Amino acid sequence: MSELIFNFIGFSLLGAVAIVLLLGIYTLFKGGNTSKKYSNKLMQLRVLLQFIAIIVLVMLAYFFKD
């Protein structure tokens, strides 16, 4: 059961980071006003989500180490 929870949370966080990364790359290549307005904010959000994902996964690995 704990492995299922660990996998679900891990893949959910991975999916969230991937979606924000793809949105950031899309706005970067689109250019213009959209790129100026959202590209940097999306990349900052990606870094924040990566930080959260690492912290959560390390905590889960610590508490479910058996």
PDB file of N, CA and C in Angstrom:
ATOM      1  N   MET A   1       0.822  -1.205   0.000  1.00  0.00           N
ATOM      2  CA  MET A   1       0.000   0.000   0.000  1.00  0.00           C
ATOM      3  C   MET A   1       0.864   1.266   0.000  1.00  0.00           C
ATOM      4  N   SER A   2       1.910   1.284   0.803  1.00  0.00           N
ATOM      5  CA  SER A   2       2.753   2.477   0.864  1.00  0.00           C
ATOM      6  C   SER A   2       3.491   2.707  -0.454  1.00  0.00           C
ATOM      7  N   GLU A   3       3.840   1.610  -1.155  1.00  0.00           N
ATOM      8  CA  GLU A   3       4.499   1.758  -2.445  1.00  0.00           C
ATOM      9  C   GLU A   3       3.559   2.402  -3.459  1.00  0.00           C
ATOM     10  N   LEU A   4       2.279   2.053  -3.398  1.00  0.00           N
ATOM     11  CA  LEU A   4       1.285   2.646  -4.293  1.00  0.00           C
ATOM     12  C   LEU A   4       1.139   4.142  -4.031  1.00  0.00           C
ATOM     13  N   ILE A   5       1.103   4.521  -2.779  1.00  0.00           N
ATOM     14  CA  ILE A   5       1.005   5.944  -2.417  1.00  0.00           C
ATOM     15  C   ILE A   5       2.257   6.695  -2.865  1.00  0.00           C
ATOM     16  N   PHE A   6       3.419   6.095  -2.601  1.00  0.00           N
ATOM     17  CA  PHE A   6       4.690   6.712  -2.990  1.00  0.00           C
ATOM     18  C   PHE A   6       4.745   6.922  -4.500  1.00  0.00           C
ATOM     19  N   ASN A   7       4.361   5.903  -5.276  1.00  0.00           N
ATOM     20  CA  ASN A   7       4.373   6.012  -6.739  1.00  0.00           C
ATOM     21  C   ASN A   7       3.375   7.050  -7.233  1.00  0.00           C
ATOM     22  N   PHE A   8       2.179   7.072  -6.667  1.00  0.00           N
ATOM     23  CA  PHE A   8       1.163   8.031  -7.092  1.00  0.00           C
ATOM     24  C   PHE A   8       1.618   9.462  -6.849  1.00  0.00           C
ATOM     25  N   ILE A   9       2.123   9.725  -5.654  1.00  0.00           N
ATOM     26  CA  ILE A   9       2.573  11.078  -5.334  1.00  0.00           C
ATOM     27  C   ILE A   9       3.775  11.456  -6.189  1.00  0.00           C
ATOM     28  N   GLY A  10       4.692  10.525  -6.357  1.00  0.00           N
ATOM     29  CA  GLY A  10       5.883  10.800  -7.169  1.00  0.00           C
ATOM     30  C   GLY A  10       5.547  11.120  -8.609  1.00  0.00           C
ATOM     31  N   PHE A  11       4.690  10.309  -9.221  1.00  0.00           N
ATOM     32  CA  PHE A  11       4.327  10.558 -10.617  1.00  0.00           C
ATOM     33  C   PHE A  11       3.439  11.792 -10.770  1.00  0.00           C
ATOM     34  N   SER A  12       2.641  12.099  -9.762  1.00  0.00           N
ATOM     35  CA  SER A  12       1.837  13.328  -9.815  1.00  0.00           C
ATOM     36  C   SER A  12       2.731  14.560  -9.799  1.00  0.00           C
ATOM     37  N   LEU A  13       3.723  14.550  -8.921  1.00  0.00           N
ATOM     38  CA  LEU A  13       4.658  15.672  -8.864  1.00  0.00           C
ATOM     39  C   LEU A  13       5.486  15.770 -10.140  1.00  0.00           C
ATOM     40  N   LEU A  14       5.915  14.630 -10.657  1.00  0.00           N
ATOM     41  CA  LEU A  14       6.658  14.615 -11.915  1.00  0.00           C
ATOM     42  C   LEU A  14       5.807  15.169 -13.056  1.00  0.00           C
ATOM     43  N   GLY A  15       4.535  14.801 -13.099  1.00  0.00           N
ATOM     44  CA  GLY A  15       3.634  15.306 -14.128  1.00  0.00           C
ATOM     45  C   GLY A  15       3.432  16.806 -14.027  1.00  0.00           C
ATOM     46  N   ALA A  16       3.299  17.308 -12.802  1.00  0.00           N
ATOM     47  CA  ALA A  16       3.117  18.752 -12.613  1.00  0.00           C
ATOM     48  C   ALA A  16       4.338  19.522 -13.098  1.00  0.00           C
ATOM     49  N   VAL A  17       5.519  19.030 -12.771  1.00  0.00           N
ATOM     50  CA  VAL A  17       6.753  19.689 -13.219  1.00  0.00           C
ATOM     51  C   VAL A  17       6.858  19.629 -14.740  1.00  0.00           C
ATOM     52  N   ALA A  18       6.522  18.491 -15.322  1.00  0.00           N
ATOM     53  CA  ALA A  18       6.611  18.337 -16.778  1.00  0.00           C
ATOM     54  C   ALA A  18       5.641  19.265 -17.502  1.00  0.00           C
ATOM     55  N   ILE A  19       4.435  19.408 -16.970  1.00  0.00           N
ATOM     56  CA  ILE A  19       3.445  20.293 -17.601  1.00  0.00           C
ATOM     57  C   ILE A  19       3.929  21.737 -17.576  1.00  0.00           C
ATOM     58  N   VAL A  20       4.427  22.185 -16.428  1.00  0.00           N
ATOM     59  CA  VAL A  20       4.912  23.567 -16.332  1.00  0.00           C
ATOM     60  C   VAL A  20       6.133  23.763 -17.227  1.00  0.00           C
ATOM     61  N   LEU A  21       7.006  22.758 -17.305  1.00  0.00           N
ATOM     62  CA  LEU A  21       8.171  22.849 -18.184  1.00  0.00           C
ATOM     63  C   LEU A  21       7.739  22.984 -19.640  1.00  0.00           C
ATOM     64  N   LEU A  22       6.791  22.173 -20.076  1.00  0.00           N
ATOM     65  CA  LEU A  22       6.320  22.245 -21.461  1.00  0.00           C
ATOM     66  C   LEU A  22       5.621  23.573 -21.756  1.00  0.00           C
ATOM     67  N   LEU A  23       4.845  24.071 -20.800  1.00  0.00           N
ATOM     68  CA  LEU A  23       4.222  25.388 -20.985  1.00  0.00           C
ATOM     69  C   LEU A  23       5.272  26.491 -21.093  1.00  0.00           C
ATOM     70  N   GLY A  24       6.312  26.403 -20.281  1.00  0.00           N
ATOM     71  CA  GLY A  24       7.388  27.397 -20.337  1.00  0.00           C
ATOM     72  C   GLY A  24       8.131  27.360 -21.655  1.00  0.00           C
ATOM     73  N   ILE A  25       8.419  26.161 -22.150  1.00  0.00           N
ATOM     74  CA  ILE A  25       9.104  26.038 -23.439  1.00  0.00           C
ATOM     75  C   ILE A  25       8.214  26.548 -24.565  1.00  0.00           C
ATOM     76  N   TYR A  26       6.921  26.249 -24.493  1.00  0.00           N
ATOM     77  CA  TYR A  26       5.982  26.719 -25.516  1.00  0.00           C
ATOM     78  C   TYR A  26       5.937  28.244 -25.566  1.00  0.00           C
ATOM     79  N   THR A  27       5.840  28.886 -24.402  1.00  0.00           N
ATOM     80  CA  THR A  27       5.784  30.352 -24.402  1.00  0.00           C
ATOM     81  C   THR A  27       7.111  30.950 -24.847  1.00  0.00           C
ATOM     82  N   LEU A  28       8.217  30.274 -24.549  1.00  0.00           N
ATOM     83  CA  LEU A  28       9.521  30.762 -24.980  1.00  0.00           C
ATOM     84  C   LEU A  28       9.624  30.766 -26.502  1.00  0.00           C
ATOM     85  N   PHE A  29       9.161  29.694 -27.139  1.00  0.00           N
ATOM     86  CA  PHE A  29       9.236  29.623 -28.597  1.00  0.00           C
ATOM     87  C   PHE A  29       8.162  30.449 -29.287  1.00  0.00           C
ATOM     88  N   LYS A  30       7.055  30.705 -28.588  1.00  0.00           N
ATOM     89  CA  LYS A  30       5.996  31.522 -29.184  1.00  0.00           C
ATOM     90  C   LYS A  30       6.463  32.962 -29.363  1.00  0.00           C
ATOM     91  N   GLY A  31       7.204  33.455 -28.381  1.00  0.00           N
ATOM     92  CA  GLY A  31       7.765  34.799 -28.485  1.00  0.00           C
ATOM     93  C   GLY A  31       6.739  35.890 -28.263  1.00  0.00           C
ATOM     94  N   GLY A  32       7.134  37.105 -28.533  1.00  0.00           N
ATOM     95  CA  GLY A  32       6.243  38.250 -28.426  1.00  0.00           C
ATOM     96  C   GLY A  32       5.896  38.590 -26.992  1.00  0.00           C
ATOM     97  N   ASN A  33       4.709  39.191 -26.828  1.00  0.00           N
ATOM     98  CA  ASN A  33       4.245  39.616 -25.509  1.00  0.00           C
ATOM     99  C   ASN A  33       4.035  38.447 -24.565  1.00  0.00           C
ATOM    100  N   THR A  34       3.551  37.343 -25.103  1.00  0.00           N
ATOM    101  CA  THR A  34       3.301  36.166 -24.265  1.00  0.00           C
ATOM    102  C   THR A  34       4.593  35.691 -23.616  1.00  0.00           C
ATOM    103  N   SER A  35       5.658  35.657 -24.378  1.00  0.00           N
ATOM    104  CA  SER A  35       6.939  35.220 -23.849  1.00  0.00           C
ATOM    105  C   SER A  35       7.451  36.179 -22.783  1.00  0.00           C
ATOM    106  N   LYS A  36       7.337  37.453 -23.032  1.00  0.00           N
ATOM    107  CA  LYS A  36       7.811  38.447 -22.070  1.00  0.00           C
ATOM    108  C   LYS A  36       7.016  38.388 -20.770  1.00  0.00           C
ATOM    109  N   LYS A  37       5.726  38.100 -20.884  1.00  0.00           N
ATOM    110  CA  LYS A  37       4.854  38.146 -19.717  1.00  0.00           C
ATOM    111  C   LYS A  37       4.922  36.867 -18.884  1.00  0.00           C
ATOM    112  N   TYR A  38       4.991  35.701 -19.512  1.00  0.00           N
ATOM    113  CA  TYR A  38       4.823  34.450 -18.783  1.00  0.00           C
ATOM    114  C   TYR A  38       6.041  33.538 -18.725  1.00  0.00           C
ATOM    115  N   SER A  39       7.006  33.681 -19.596  1.00  0.00           N
ATOM    116  CA  SER A  39       8.106  32.736 -19.675  1.00  0.00           C
ATOM    117  C   SER A  39       8.891  32.662 -18.366  1.00  0.00           C
ATOM    118  N   ASN A  40       9.285  33.785 -17.835  1.00  0.00           N
ATOM    119  CA  ASN A  40      10.068  33.803 -16.601  1.00  0.00           C
ATOM    120  C   ASN A  40       9.244  33.301 -15.414  1.00  0.00           C
ATOM    121  N   LYS A  41       7.980  33.675 -15.351  1.00  0.00           N
ATOM    122  CA  LYS A  41       7.122  33.227 -14.249  1.00  0.00           C
ATOM    123  C   LYS A  41       6.912  31.717 -14.278  1.00  0.00           C
ATOM    124  N   LEU A  42       6.759  31.160 -15.480  1.00  0.00           N
ATOM    125  CA  LEU A  42       6.586  29.715 -15.584  1.00  0.00           C
ATOM    126  C   LEU A  42       7.859  28.973 -15.189  1.00  0.00           C
ATOM    127  N   MET A  43       8.995  29.504 -15.544  1.00  0.00           N
ATOM    128  CA  MET A  43      10.241  28.842 -15.168  1.00  0.00           C
ATOM    129  C   MET A  43      10.483  28.952 -13.658  1.00  0.00           C
ATOM    130  N   GLN A  44      10.093  30.060 -13.053  1.00  0.00           N
ATOM    131  CA  GLN A  44      10.184  30.172 -11.600  1.00  0.00           C
ATOM    132  C   GLN A  44       9.239  29.181 -10.919  1.00  0.00           C
ATOM    133  N   LEU A  45       8.048  29.015 -11.478  1.00  0.00           N
ATOM    134  CA  LEU A  45       7.098  28.041 -10.951  1.00  0.00           C
ATOM    135  C   LEU A  45       7.643  26.622 -11.088  1.00  0.00           C
ATOM    136  N   ARG A  46       8.323  26.339 -12.185  1.00  0.00           N
ATOM    137  CA  ARG A  46       8.924  25.017 -12.387  1.00  0.00           C
ATOM    138  C   ARG A  46       9.974  24.736 -11.327  1.00  0.00           C
ATOM    139  N   VAL A  47      10.820  25.704 -11.036  1.00  0.00           N
ATOM    140  CA  VAL A  47      11.852  25.520 -10.022  1.00  0.00           C
ATOM    141  C   VAL A  47      11.212  25.296  -8.656  1.00  0.00           C
ATOM    142  N   LEU A  48      10.168  26.044  -8.345  1.00  0.00           N
ATOM    143  CA  LEU A  48       9.459  25.867  -7.078  1.00  0.00           C
ATOM    144  C   LEU A  48       8.842  24.472  -6.988  1.00  0.00           C
ATOM    145  N   LEU A  49       8.200  24.024  -8.068  1.00  0.00           N
ATOM    146  CA  LEU A  49       7.606  22.686  -8.069  1.00  0.00           C
ATOM    147  C   LEU A  49       8.669  21.601  -7.949  1.00  0.00           C
ATOM    148  N   GLN A  50       9.819  21.794  -8.567  1.00  0.00           N
ATOM    149  CA  GLN A  50      10.907  20.823  -8.423  1.00  0.00           C
ATOM    150  C   GLN A  50      11.395  20.766  -6.981  1.00  0.00           C
ATOM    151  N   PHE A  51      11.506  21.909  -6.338  1.00  0.00           N
ATOM    152  CA  PHE A  51      11.918  21.948  -4.937  1.00  0.00           C
ATOM    153  C   PHE A  51      10.915  21.211  -4.061  1.00  0.00           C
ATOM    154  N   ILE A  52       9.632  21.486  -4.271  1.00  0.00           N
ATOM    155  CA  ILE A  52       8.586  20.816  -3.501  1.00  0.00           C
ATOM    156  C   ILE A  52       8.623  19.312  -3.751  1.00  0.00           C
ATOM    157  N   ALA A  53       8.795  18.911  -5.007  1.00  0.00           N
ATOM    158  CA  ALA A  53       8.828  17.495  -5.339  1.00  0.00           C
ATOM    159  C   ALA A  53       9.998  16.799  -4.641  1.00  0.00           C
ATOM    160  N   ILE A  54      11.156  17.418  -4.634  1.00  0.00           N
ATOM    161  CA  ILE A  54      12.314  16.809  -3.987  1.00  0.00           C
ATOM    162  C   ILE A  54      12.088  16.670  -2.487  1.00  0.00           C
ATOM    163  N   ILE A  55      11.582  17.718  -1.861  1.00  0.00           N
ATOM    164  CA  ILE A  55      11.333  17.676  -0.415  1.00  0.00           C
ATOM    165  C   ILE A  55      10.313  16.591  -0.080  1.00  0.00           C
ATOM    166  N   VAL A  56       9.206  16.539  -0.815  1.00  0.00           N
ATOM    167  CA  VAL A  56       8.159  15.548  -0.542  1.00  0.00           C
ATOM    168  C   VAL A  56       8.676  14.133  -0.768  1.00  0.00           C
ATOM    169  N   LEU A  57       9.414  13.906  -1.849  1.00  0.00           N
ATOM    170  CA  LEU A  57       9.922  12.566  -2.124  1.00  0.00           C
ATOM    171  C   LEU A  57      10.957  12.118  -1.092  1.00  0.00           C
ATOM    172  N   VAL A  58      11.799  13.022  -0.644  1.00  0.00           N
ATOM    173  CA  VAL A  58      12.765  12.671   0.399  1.00  0.00           C
ATOM    174  C   VAL A  58      12.034  12.352   1.702  1.00  0.00           C
ATOM    175  N   MET A  59      11.017  13.134   2.042  1.00  0.00           N
ATOM    176  CA  MET A  59      10.246  12.845   3.245  1.00  0.00           C
ATOM    177  C   MET A  59       9.532  11.505   3.136  1.00  0.00           C
ATOM    178  N   LEU A  60       8.926  11.217   2.002  1.00  0.00           N
ATOM    179  CA  LEU A  60       8.264   9.932   1.826  1.00  0.00           C
ATOM    180  C   LEU A  60       9.255   8.773   1.889  1.00  0.00           C
ATOM    181  N   ALA A  61      10.413   8.953   1.298  1.00  0.00           N
ATOM    182  CA  ALA A  61      11.422   7.889   1.343  1.00  0.00           C
ATOM    183  C   ALA A  61      11.902   7.668   2.778  1.00  0.00           C
ATOM    184  N   TYR A  62      11.982   8.726   3.552  1.00  0.00           N
ATOM    185  CA  TYR A  62      12.412   8.585   4.944  1.00  0.00           C
ATOM    186  C   TYR A  62      11.363   7.855   5.783  1.00  0.00           C
ATOM    187  N   PHE A  63      10.094   8.247   5.616  1.00  0.00           N
ATOM    188  CA  PHE A  63       9.036   7.664   6.448  1.00  0.00           C
ATOM    189  C   PHE A  63       8.599   6.286   5.988  1.00  0.00           C
ATOM    190  N   PHE A  64       8.778   5.970   4.705  1.00  0.00           N
ATOM    191  CA  PHE A  64       8.371   4.655   4.183  1.00  0.00           C
ATOM    192  C   PHE A  64       9.597   3.828   3.784  1.00  0.00           C
ATOM    193  N   LYS A  65      10.662   3.886   4.560  1.00  0.00           N
ATOM    194  CA  LYS A  65      11.893   3.217   4.159  1.00  0.00           C
ATOM    195  C   LYS A  65      11.842   1.694   4.281  1.00  0.00           C
ATOM    196  N   ASP A  66      10.857   1.168   4.918  1.00  0.00           N
ATOM    197  CA  ASP A  66      10.762  -0.300   5.005  1.00  0.00           C
ATOM    198  C   ASP A  66      10.060  -0.793   3.800  1.00  0.00           C
TER     199      ASP A  66
END
